[in-house]
Amino acid sequence: MSNAGSNPAPVINIIRRKRKGEKREGEKMSDNKCGAPAMYRYTWPGKDESLACITCAMKLQTVAAAIGLHLQIIKLSEEEMLNGLTCLQEKEKVK
């Protein structure tokens, strides 16, 4: 997981939208989020950046490898981690 090219601006925009309850077109705001402390930000090809905890980041890497897509994952800076950012991944559904 790379730390190159760390730019906090997209993460800050996600935080602002999350606090205000705003969403972008096609973006779902849900209470069904993982909620664990975020440690990484990631980007799928052609998609906006989002946040993930260590567990979700590893699952995302596994999915990316399985479908053959590049997933950019960047570790958050210590300052970003201390801001109380949480994982925005959907919780796993328990059957």
Protein backbone atom coordinates (compact mmCIF):
# COMPACT_ATOMS: atom_id res chain seq x y z
CA MET A 1 0.00 0.00 0.00
CA SER A 2 1.61 3.16 -1.24
CA ASN A 3 1.98 6.53 0.49
CA ALA A 4 3.11 8.39 -2.62
CA GLY A 5 1.27 11.47 -3.79
CA SER A 6 -0.61 12.07 -0.56
CA ASN A 7 -3.10 14.90 -1.13
CA PRO A 8 -5.61 15.48 1.70
CA ALA A 9 -7.99 17.72 -0.31
CA PRO A 10 -10.25 14.91 -1.65
CA VAL A 11 -10.48 13.35 1.80
CA ILE A 12 -11.41 16.71 3.31
CA ASN A 13 -14.19 17.07 0.71
CA ILE A 14 -15.54 13.64 1.65
CA ILE A 15 -15.55 14.66 5.32
CA ARG A 16 -17.40 17.91 4.59
CA ARG A 17 -20.07 16.11 2.55
CA LYS A 18 -20.41 13.43 5.21
CA ARG A 19 -20.87 15.97 8.02
CA LYS A 20 -23.44 17.95 6.04
CA GLY A 21 -25.29 14.82 4.90
CA GLU A 22 -24.70 15.80 1.29
CA LYS A 23 -24.19 13.35 -1.51
CA ARG A 24 -22.99 13.43 -5.08
CA GLU A 25 -25.02 12.03 -7.94
CA GLY A 26 -24.99 8.25 -7.63
CA GLU A 27 -23.52 8.35 -4.13
CA LYS A 28 -25.46 6.71 -1.32
CA MET A 29 -25.38 8.08 2.21
CA SER A 30 -26.17 5.22 4.56
CA ASP A 31 -26.01 4.33 8.23
CA ASN A 32 -24.93 0.89 7.09
CA LYS A 33 -21.22 1.84 7.00
CA CYS A 34 -18.33 -0.09 8.59
CA GLY A 35 -17.48 2.86 10.84
CA ALA A 36 -14.05 1.56 11.91
CA PRO A 37 -11.23 4.13 12.01
CA ALA A 38 -10.09 4.89 8.46
CA MET A 39 -6.44 4.21 7.70
CA TYR A 40 -6.45 4.39 3.90
CA ARG A 41 -8.03 6.23 1.04
CA TYR A 42 -8.55 4.39 -2.19
CA THR A 43 -9.65 4.99 -5.76
CA TRP A 44 -11.15 2.61 -8.29
CA PRO A 45 -10.51 3.50 -11.94
CA GLY A 46 -12.88 6.30 -12.95
CA LYS A 47 -14.40 6.71 -9.47
CA ASP A 48 -14.09 9.24 -6.64
CA GLU A 49 -11.79 8.64 -3.70
CA SER A 50 -13.20 7.05 -0.55
CA LEU A 51 -11.99 5.89 2.87
CA ALA A 52 -11.34 2.41 4.26
CA CYS A 53 -10.12 0.76 7.45
CA ILE A 54 -7.31 -1.82 7.26
CA THR A 55 -9.72 -4.77 7.06
CA CYS A 56 -11.84 -3.25 4.29
CA ALA A 57 -8.73 -2.09 2.39
CA MET A 58 -7.40 -5.66 2.32
CA LYS A 59 -10.79 -6.95 1.11
CA LEU A 60 -10.84 -4.29 -1.61
CA GLN A 61 -7.35 -5.33 -2.76
CA THR A 62 -8.50 -8.95 -2.96
CA VAL A 63 -11.53 -7.98 -5.06
CA ALA A 64 -9.37 -5.79 -7.33
CA ALA A 65 -6.92 -8.63 -7.90
CA ALA A 66 -9.74 -11.08 -8.61
CA ILE A 67 -11.34 -8.87 -11.26
CA GLY A 68 -8.05 -7.61 -12.69
CA LEU A 69 -8.48 -3.90 -11.92
CA HIS A 70 -5.92 -1.52 -10.47
CA LEU A 71 -6.93 -0.16 -7.07
CA GLN A 72 -4.96 2.83 -5.83
CA ILE A 73 -4.63 2.67 -2.03
CA ILE A 74 -2.85 5.41 -0.09
CA LYS A 75 -2.21 5.36 3.63
CA LEU A 76 -3.68 8.38 5.44
CA SER A 77 -1.26 10.75 7.16
CA GLU A 78 -1.14 10.70 10.96
CA GLU A 79 -2.94 14.06 10.97
CA GLU A 80 -5.77 12.67 8.82
CA MET A 81 -6.07 9.59 11.05
CA LEU A 82 -6.32 11.77 14.14
CA ASN A 83 -9.26 13.69 12.61
CA GLY A 84 -11.62 10.82 13.45
CA LEU A 85 -12.24 9.70 9.85
CA THR A 86 -14.17 6.46 9.59
CA CYS A 87 -14.41 3.68 7.01
CA LEU A 88 -17.12 4.36 4.43
CA GLN A 89 -17.47 0.74 3.25
CA GLU A 90 -20.80 -1.06 3.58
CA LYS A 91 -21.08 -3.42 6.52
CA GLU A 92 -21.13 -7.10 5.64
CA LYS A 93 -24.61 -8.53 5.64
CA VAL A 94 -25.05 -11.31 8.17
CA LYS A 95 -27.26 -14.16 6.99
